[in-house]
C-alpha atoms as a PDB file:
ATOM      1  CA  MET A   1      -8.324  28.583  14.063  1.00  0.00           C
ATOM      2  CA  SER A   2      -5.456  26.156  14.990  1.00  0.00           C
ATOM      3  CA  ALA A   3      -4.672  25.440  18.405  1.00  0.00           C
ATOM      4  CA  LYS A   4      -1.503  26.869  19.989  1.00  0.00           C
ATOM      5  CA  PRO A   5       1.344  24.444  20.288  1.00  0.00           C
ATOM      6  CA  ASP A   6       2.095  23.148  23.736  1.00  0.00           C
ATOM      7  CA  LEU A   7       5.461  21.611  22.464  1.00  0.00           C
ATOM      8  CA  TRP A   8       8.007  22.367  19.777  1.00  0.00           C
ATOM      9  CA  LEU A   9      10.091  19.682  18.198  1.00  0.00           C
ATOM     10  CA  VAL A  10      13.196  21.234  16.739  1.00  0.00           C
ATOM     11  CA  PRO A  11      15.081  18.413  14.406  1.00  0.00           C
ATOM     12  CA  ASP A  12      18.312  18.496  12.352  1.00  0.00           C
ATOM     13  CA  ALA A  13      16.090  18.477   9.447  1.00  0.00           C
ATOM     14  CA  LEU A  14      12.132  18.294   8.499  1.00  0.00           C
ATOM     15  CA  PHE A  15      10.539  17.031   5.490  1.00  0.00           C
ATOM     16  CA  ASP A  16       7.404  18.667   5.010  1.00  0.00           C
ATOM     17  CA  GLY A  17       6.240  16.284   2.082  1.00  0.00           C
ATOM     18  CA  GLN A  18       7.588  18.492  -0.551  1.00  0.00           C
ATOM     19  CA  SER A  19      11.123  19.770   0.568  1.00  0.00           C
ATOM     20  CA  LEU A  20      13.701  19.044   3.117  1.00  0.00           C
ATOM     21  CA  ARG A  21      13.941  21.953   5.483  1.00  0.00           C
ATOM     22  CA  THR A  22      16.578  23.013   8.111  1.00  0.00           C
ATOM     23  CA  ASP A  23      16.129  25.539  11.013  1.00  0.00           C
ATOM     24  CA  VAL A  24      12.633  24.991  11.355  1.00  0.00           C
ATOM     25  CA  ALA A  25      10.599  23.557  14.352  1.00  0.00           C
ATOM     26  CA  LEU A  26       7.269  21.591  14.400  1.00  0.00           C
ATOM     27  CA  GLY A  27       4.666  22.784  16.764  1.00  0.00           C
ATOM     28  CA  ILE A  28       2.422  20.055  18.438  1.00  0.00           C
ATOM     29  CA  ALA A  29      -0.775  20.473  20.351  1.00  0.00           C
ATOM     30  CA  GLY A  30      -1.687  17.630  22.123  1.00  0.00           C
ATOM     31  CA  SER A  31      -0.870  14.793  19.797  1.00  0.00           C
ATOM     32  CA  ARG A  32      -1.366  16.639  16.576  1.00  0.00           C
ATOM     33  CA  SER A  33       1.170  18.696  14.549  1.00  0.00           C
ATOM     34  CA  VAL A  34      -0.506  22.114  13.946  1.00  0.00           C
ATOM     35  CA  THR A  35       2.283  24.483  12.444  1.00  0.00           C
ATOM     36  CA  VAL A  36       5.747  24.857  11.187  1.00  0.00           C
ATOM     37  CA  THR A  37       7.956  27.843  12.044  1.00  0.00           C
ATOM     38  CA  VAL A  38      11.556  28.880  11.636  1.00  0.00           C
ATOM     39  CA  THR A  39      13.591  28.323  14.813  1.00  0.00           C
ATOM     40  CA  ALA A  40      14.897  31.981  14.702  1.00  0.00           C
ATOM     41  CA  SER A  41      11.448  33.247  15.773  1.00  0.00           C
ATOM     42  CA  LEU A  42      10.492  30.350  17.777  1.00  0.00           C
ATOM     43  CA  PRO A  43       7.813  31.345  20.508  1.00  0.00           C
ATOM     44  CA  THR A  44       8.812  30.784  24.048  1.00  0.00           C
ATOM     45  CA  GLU A  45       5.317  30.196  25.312  1.00  0.00           C
ATOM     46  CA  ALA A  46       5.887  26.366  24.907  1.00  0.00           C
ATOM     47  CA  PRO A  47       8.879  24.060  25.785  1.00  0.00           C
ATOM     48  CA  ALA A  48      11.274  23.101  22.666  1.00  0.00           C
ATOM     49  CA  ARG A  49      12.696  19.518  22.420  1.00  0.00           C
ATOM     50  CA  ARG A  50      15.810  19.070  20.157  1.00  0.00           C
ATOM     51  CA  LEU A  51      16.014  15.795  17.960  1.00  0.00           C
ATOM     52  CA  SER A  52      18.867  14.401  16.057  1.00  0.00           C
ATOM     53  CA  GLY A  53      18.017  13.224  12.666  1.00  0.00           C
ATOM     54  CA  THR A  54      15.271  14.087  10.068  1.00  0.00           C
ATOM     55  CA  LEU A  55      11.679  14.478  11.165  1.00  0.00           C
ATOM     56  CA  THR A  56       9.262  13.245   8.427  1.00  0.00           C
ATOM     57  CA  PRO A  57       5.570  12.282   8.151  1.00  0.00           C
ATOM     58  CA  GLY A  58       4.938   8.873   8.694  1.00  0.00           C
ATOM     59  CA  PHE A  59       5.228   6.500   5.606  1.00  0.00           C
ATOM     60  CA  LEU A  60       2.796   4.239   4.130  1.00  0.00           C
ATOM     61  CA  ASP A  61       3.728   1.228   1.912  1.00  0.00           C
ATOM     62  CA  LEU A  62       0.997  -0.454  -0.107  1.00  0.00           C
ATOM     63  CA  GLN A  63       3.021  -3.754  -0.944  1.00  0.00           C
ATOM     64  CA  VAL A  64       4.534  -5.456   2.170  1.00  0.00           C
ATOM     65  CA  ASN A  65       5.198  -9.234   2.047  1.00  0.00           C
ATOM     66  CA  GLY A  66       6.667  -9.631   5.382  1.00  0.00           C
ATOM     67  CA  GLY A  67       8.643  -8.086   8.014  1.00  0.00           C
ATOM     68  CA  GLY A  68      10.577  -8.925  11.313  1.00  0.00           C
ATOM     69  CA  ASP A  69      11.044 -12.523  10.305  1.00  0.00           C
ATOM     70  CA  ALA A  70       7.397 -13.049   9.385  1.00  0.00           C
ATOM     71  CA  LEU A  71       6.094 -13.535   5.841  1.00  0.00           C
ATOM     72  CA  LEU A  72       2.254 -13.529   5.162  1.00  0.00           C
ATOM     73  CA  ASN A  73       2.523 -16.345   2.557  1.00  0.00           C
ATOM     74  CA  ASN A  74       4.032 -18.547   5.141  1.00  0.00           C
ATOM     75  CA  ASP A  75       2.230 -17.376   8.152  1.00  0.00           C
ATOM     76  CA  GLN A  76      -1.526 -16.312   7.961  1.00  0.00           C
ATOM     77  CA  THR A  77      -1.925 -15.001  11.428  1.00  0.00           C
ATOM     78  CA  ARG A  78      -2.825 -11.910  13.330  1.00  0.00           C
ATOM     79  CA  THR A  79       0.328 -12.448  15.337  1.00  0.00           C
ATOM     80  CA  ALA A  80       2.413 -12.483  11.831  1.00  0.00           C
ATOM     81  CA  LEU A  81       0.372  -9.233  10.625  1.00  0.00           C
ATOM     82  CA  ARG A  82       1.214  -7.391  13.901  1.00  0.00           C
ATOM     83  CA  THR A  83       4.762  -8.399  13.658  1.00  0.00           C
ATOM     84  CA  MET A  84       5.017  -7.173  10.301  1.00  0.00           C
ATOM     85  CA  ALA A  85       3.591  -3.826  11.317  1.00  0.00           C
ATOM     86  CA  LEU A  86       5.805  -3.406  14.235  1.00  0.00           C
ATOM     87  CA  ALA A  87       9.047  -4.147  12.252  1.00  0.00           C
ATOM     88  CA  HIS A  88       8.279  -1.516   9.477  1.00  0.00           C
ATOM     89  CA  ARG A  89       7.271   1.119  12.077  1.00  0.00           C
ATOM     90  CA  ARG A  90      10.767   1.088  13.502  1.00  0.00           C
ATOM     91  CA  PHE A  91      11.689   2.634  10.372  1.00  0.00           C
ATOM     92  CA  GLY A  92       9.104   5.121   9.896  1.00  0.00           C
ATOM     93  CA  THR A  93       6.447   3.216   8.154  1.00  0.00           C
ATOM     94  CA  VAL A  94       3.258   4.018  10.198  1.00  0.00           C
ATOM     95  CA  GLY A  95       0.981   1.828   7.797  1.00  0.00           C
ATOM     96  CA  ILE A  96       1.274  -1.102   5.653  1.00  0.00           C
ATOM     97  CA  LEU A  97      -0.796  -2.947   3.381  1.00  0.00           C
ATOM     98  CA  PRO A  98       0.028  -6.605   4.038  1.00  0.00           C
ATOM     99  CA  THR A  99       0.396  -8.477   0.682  1.00  0.00           C
ATOM    100  CA  ILE A 100      -0.391 -12.103  -0.289  1.00  0.00           C
ATOM    101  CA  ILE A 101       1.039 -13.390  -3.523  1.00  0.00           C
ATOM    102  CA  THR A 102       0.108 -16.246  -5.936  1.00  0.00           C
ATOM    103  CA  ASP A 103      -0.405 -19.359  -3.679  1.00  0.00           C
ATOM    104  CA  ALA A 104      -2.824 -22.460  -3.198  1.00  0.00           C
ATOM    105  CA  PRO A 105      -6.285 -21.253  -2.449  1.00  0.00           C
ATOM    106  CA  PRO A 106      -6.425 -22.112   1.199  1.00  0.00           C
ATOM    107  CA  VAL A 107      -3.564 -19.603   1.601  1.00  0.00           C
ATOM    108  CA  LEU A 108      -5.430 -16.539   0.452  1.00  0.00           C
ATOM    109  CA  SER A 109      -8.481 -17.773   2.596  1.00  0.00           C
ATOM    110  CA  ARG A 110      -6.610 -18.022   5.657  1.00  0.00           C
ATOM    111  CA  ALA A 111      -5.044 -14.351   4.762  1.00  0.00           C
ATOM    112  CA  VAL A 112      -8.532 -13.040   4.665  1.00  0.00           C
ATOM    113  CA  ASP A 113      -9.386 -14.415   8.034  1.00  0.00           C
ATOM    114  CA  ALA A 114      -6.174 -13.062   9.592  1.00  0.00           C
ATOM    115  CA  VAL A 115      -6.804  -9.574   8.250  1.00  0.00           C
ATOM    116  CA  ILE A 116     -10.370  -9.564   9.440  1.00  0.00           C
ATOM    117  CA  ALA A 117      -9.338 -10.895  12.848  1.00  0.00           C
ATOM    118  CA  ALA A 118      -6.594  -8.056  12.992  1.00  0.00           C
ATOM    119  CA  ARG A 119      -8.888  -5.251  12.219  1.00  0.00           C
ATOM    120  CA  GLY A 120      -8.037  -2.367  14.188  1.00  0.00           C
ATOM    121  CA  GLU A 121      -4.457  -3.325  14.922  1.00  0.00           C
ATOM    122  CA  PRO A 122      -2.155  -0.110  14.600  1.00  0.00           C
ATOM    123  CA  GLY A 123      -0.354   0.022  11.239  1.00  0.00           C
ATOM    124  CA  LEU A 124      -2.515  -2.408   9.247  1.00  0.00           C
ATOM    125  CA  LEU A 125      -4.409  -0.618   6.376  1.00  0.00           C
ATOM    126  CA  GLY A 126      -6.077  -3.615   4.944  1.00  0.00           C
ATOM    127  CA  LEU A 127      -5.046  -6.481   2.429  1.00  0.00           C
ATOM    128  CA  HIS A 128      -3.081  -6.376  -1.168  1.00  0.00           C
ATOM    129  CA  ILE A 129      -4.152  -9.498  -2.972  1.00  0.00           C
ATOM    130  CA  GLU A 130      -1.286  -9.817  -5.598  1.00  0.00           C
ATOM    131  CA  GLY A 131      -2.351 -12.547  -7.951  1.00  0.00           C
ATOM    132  CA  PRO A 132      -3.105 -15.516  -8.542  1.00  0.00           C
ATOM    133  CA  HIS A 133      -5.019 -14.022 -11.544  1.00  0.00           C
ATOM    134  CA  LEU A 134      -1.573 -12.685 -13.256  1.00  0.00           C
ATOM    135  CA  SER A 135       0.157 -13.396 -16.612  1.00  0.00           C
ATOM    136  CA  ILE A 136       2.158 -16.738 -16.828  1.00  0.00           C
ATOM    137  CA  ALA A 137       4.832 -14.835 -19.107  1.00  0.00           C
ATOM    138  CA  ARG A 138       5.197 -12.165 -16.503  1.00  0.00           C
ATOM    139  CA  ARG A 139       4.750 -14.081 -13.470  1.00  0.00           C
ATOM    140  CA  GLY A 140       8.099 -13.463 -11.845  1.00  0.00           C
ATOM    141  CA  THR A 141       8.127 -15.161  -8.331  1.00  0.00           C
ATOM    142  CA  HIS A 142       4.564 -16.324  -8.505  1.00  0.00           C
ATOM    143  CA  ALA A 143       4.169 -20.054  -8.728  1.00  0.00           C
ATOM    144  CA  ALA A 144       3.077 -20.881 -12.160  1.00  0.00           C
ATOM    145  CA  GLU A 145       0.836 -23.841 -10.916  1.00  0.00           C
ATOM    146  CA  HIS A 146      -1.406 -21.397  -8.965  1.00  0.00           C
ATOM    147  CA  ILE A 147      -2.069 -18.900 -11.473  1.00  0.00           C
ATOM    148  CA  ARG A 148      -5.454 -18.983 -13.117  1.00  0.00           C
ATOM    149  CA  PRO A 149      -8.256 -16.793 -14.370  1.00  0.00           C
ATOM    150  CA  PHE A 150     -10.236 -14.384 -12.013  1.00  0.00           C
ATOM    151  CA  ASP A 151     -13.027 -16.465 -10.439  1.00  0.00           C
ATOM    152  CA  ALA A 152     -15.891 -16.221  -8.020  1.00  0.00           C
ATOM    153  CA  THR A 153     -13.967 -17.319  -5.001  1.00  0.00           C
ATOM    154  CA  THR A 154     -11.512 -14.492  -5.168  1.00  0.00           C
ATOM    155  CA  LEU A 155     -14.638 -12.070  -5.440  1.00  0.00           C
ATOM    156  CA  ALA A 156     -16.112 -13.602  -2.497  1.00  0.00           C
ATOM    157  CA  HIS A 157     -12.959 -13.028  -0.450  1.00  0.00           C
ATOM    158  CA  ILE A 158     -13.050  -9.383  -1.825  1.00  0.00           C
ATOM    159  CA  ARG A 159     -16.763  -8.867  -0.916  1.00  0.00           C
ATOM    160  CA  ARG A 160     -16.326 -10.289   2.502  1.00  0.00           C
ATOM    161  CA  LEU A 161     -13.254  -8.073   3.621  1.00  0.00           C
ATOM    162  CA  ARG A 162     -15.270  -4.993   1.941  1.00  0.00           C
ATOM    163  CA  SER A 163     -18.430  -5.843   4.056  1.00  0.00           C
ATOM    164  CA  GLU A 164     -15.992  -5.584   7.266  1.00  0.00           C
ATOM    165  CA  GLY A 165     -14.812  -2.340   6.276  1.00  0.00           C
ATOM    166  CA  ILE A 166     -11.309  -3.414   5.280  1.00  0.00           C
ATOM    167  CA  PHE A 167      -9.513  -1.617   2.486  1.00  0.00           C
ATOM    168  CA  VAL A 168      -8.692  -4.141  -0.497  1.00  0.00           C
ATOM    169  CA  LYS A 169      -6.300  -3.698  -3.390  1.00  0.00           C
ATOM    170  CA  ILE A 170      -5.726  -6.347  -5.936  1.00  0.00           C
ATOM    171  CA  THR A 171      -3.294  -6.874  -8.687  1.00  0.00           C
ATOM    172  CA  VAL A 172      -4.387  -8.370 -11.764  1.00  0.00           C
ATOM    173  CA  ALA A 173      -3.450  -8.788 -15.576  1.00  0.00           C
ATOM    174  CA  PRO A 174      -5.656  -8.371 -18.448  1.00  0.00           C
ATOM    175  CA  GLU A 175      -4.972 -11.744 -19.477  1.00  0.00           C
ATOM    176  CA  SER A 176      -6.845 -13.182 -16.405  1.00  0.00           C
ATOM    177  CA  VAL A 177      -9.357 -10.866 -15.792  1.00  0.00           C
ATOM    178  CA  THR A 178     -12.073  -9.072 -18.003  1.00  0.00           C
ATOM    179  CA  PRO A 179     -13.350  -5.701 -18.008  1.00  0.00           C
ATOM    180  CA  ALA A 180     -16.628  -6.909 -16.671  1.00  0.00           C
ATOM    181  CA  GLN A 181     -15.101  -8.476 -13.862  1.00  0.00           C
ATOM    182  CA  VAL A 182     -13.021  -5.437 -12.887  1.00  0.00           C
ATOM    183  CA  ARG A 183     -16.367  -3.518 -12.583  1.00  0.00           C
ATOM    184  CA  GLN A 184     -17.558  -6.218 -10.231  1.00  0.00           C
ATOM    185  CA  ILE A 185     -14.507  -5.811  -8.161  1.00  0.00           C
ATOM    186  CA  THR A 186     -14.492  -1.847  -8.271  1.00  0.00           C
ATOM    187  CA  ALA A 187     -18.432  -1.885  -7.324  1.00  0.00           C
ATOM    188  CA  THR A 188     -17.164  -3.272  -3.896  1.00  0.00           C
ATOM    189  CA  GLY A 189     -14.903  -0.546  -3.289  1.00  0.00           C
ATOM    190  CA  ALA A 190     -11.815  -2.438  -3.748  1.00  0.00           C
ATOM    191  CA  VAL A 191      -8.882  -0.826  -5.647  1.00  0.00           C
ATOM    192  CA  VAL A 192      -7.792  -2.689  -8.900  1.00  0.00           C
ATOM    193  CA  SER A 193      -4.240  -2.538  -9.901  1.00  0.00           C
ATOM    194  CA  ILE A 194      -2.702  -3.972 -13.120  1.00  0.00           C
ATOM    195  CA  GLY A 195       0.533  -5.685 -13.082  1.00  0.00           C
ATOM    196  CA  HIS A 196       2.435  -8.777 -13.932  1.00  0.00           C
ATOM    197  CA  SER A 197       1.078  -8.656 -17.439  1.00  0.00           C
ATOM    198  CA  ASP A 198       2.193  -8.563 -21.262  1.00  0.00           C
ATOM    199  CA  ALA A 199      -0.936  -6.807 -22.116  1.00  0.00           C
ATOM    200  CA  THR A 200      -1.147  -4.250 -25.119  1.00  0.00           C
ATOM    201  CA  ALA A 201      -2.062  -0.872 -24.499  1.00  0.00           C
ATOM    202  CA  ALA A 202      -5.479  -1.330 -25.796  1.00  0.00           C
ATOM    203  CA  GLU A 203      -6.060  -4.203 -23.397  1.00  0.00           C
ATOM    204  CA  THR A 204      -4.552  -2.148 -20.455  1.00  0.00           C
ATOM    205  CA  ARG A 205      -6.963   0.714 -21.415  1.00  0.00           C
ATOM    206  CA  ALA A 206      -9.812  -1.367 -21.472  1.00  0.00           C
ATOM    207  CA  LEU A 207      -9.127  -2.363 -17.898  1.00  0.00           C
ATOM    208  CA  LEU A 208      -8.762   1.306 -16.788  1.00  0.00           C
ATOM    209  CA  ASP A 209     -11.976   2.253 -18.531  1.00  0.00           C
ATOM    210  CA  ALA A 210     -13.595  -0.463 -16.449  1.00  0.00           C
ATOM    211  CA  GLY A 211     -12.409   1.093 -13.107  1.00  0.00           C
ATOM    212  CA  ALA A 212      -8.716  -0.187 -12.493  1.00  0.00           C
ATOM    213  CA  THR A 213      -6.835   2.987 -11.091  1.00  0.00           C
ATOM    214  CA  CYS A 214      -3.212   1.935 -10.432  1.00  0.00           C
ATOM    215  CA  PHE A 215      -0.466  -0.416 -11.628  1.00  0.00           C
ATOM    216  CA  THR A 216       2.059  -2.867  -9.809  1.00  0.00           C
ATOM    217  CA  HIS A 217       5.495  -3.133 -10.836  1.00  0.00           C
ATOM    218  CA  LEU A 218       5.247  -0.866 -14.030  1.00  0.00           C
ATOM    219  CA  PRO A 219       8.593  -0.367 -15.518  1.00  0.00           C
ATOM    220  CA  PRO A 220       9.904   3.087 -16.927  1.00  0.00           C
ATOM    221  CA  MET A 221       9.098   3.910 -20.363  1.00  0.00           C
ATOM    222  CA  PRO A 222      11.999   4.014 -22.591  1.00  0.00           C
ATOM    223  CA  ALA A 223      12.767   7.479 -23.734  1.00  0.00           C
ATOM    224  CA  SER A 224      12.601   6.411 -27.364  1.00  0.00           C
ATOM    225  CA  SER A 225       9.314   4.557 -27.048  1.00  0.00           C
ATOM    226  CA  ALA A 226       6.339   6.223 -29.057  1.00  0.00           C
ATOM    227  CA  THR A 227       3.608   7.859 -26.764  1.00  0.00           C
ATOM    228  CA  ALA A 228       1.099   4.982 -27.961  1.00  0.00           C
ATOM    229  CA  SER A 229       3.200   2.292 -26.971  1.00  0.00           C
ATOM    230  CA  MET A 230       3.237   0.557 -23.773  1.00  0.00           C
ATOM    231  CA  SER A 231       6.193  -1.588 -22.073  1.00  0.00           C
ATOM    232  CA  PRO A 232       5.271  -5.093 -20.621  1.00  0.00           C
ATOM    233  CA  MET A 233       4.478  -4.915 -16.972  1.00  0.00           C
ATOM    234  CA  ARG A 234       6.708  -7.073 -14.745  1.00  0.00           C
END
């Protein structure tokens, strides 16, 4: 049985995860939300607090390169990670996945050290390694000189993070990683995302079959495209 609210929050509008609702209140017990009810039948056993604006669940952002004038590729420190999390929290994002993009190998190594040092900091969900194992043709802003095939060094970084209980997401392209390597990555509990690629549908499905579960920067499919085709990933 749910606890009885000891406080009612009455916003101008409330987003419940599916729809935007007005004339409703959110019941809070301790520090947890426990129920939503219409304001017309709001119980009087607990005080009500009016809020201007829209009340929503906290947002999670799984690709955050920086915030608050801190950029992870420029500053791989616990302080920078904390600054990023606090900057995004001001706008309702309660959890971020700091993202390190393609760079010189020592940059990734320092980012791994920083995330481990910052473990437990509010709002930090883990690390998103976006590159360097991407497609040159679809590299976007990623530096071509640092793009390379998947290697034992990156796998060691992933294993180290996972051994510390830290969530890891890595974006790779089928041009730079094999299905067998994807299986090695997912065996650690890390999430493999496919992106920055010119791969064919067959090459992409091979990585999905090996354990990749999501995409990074996947463009919309043109309405005229055949079901079996796949647009290049940016």
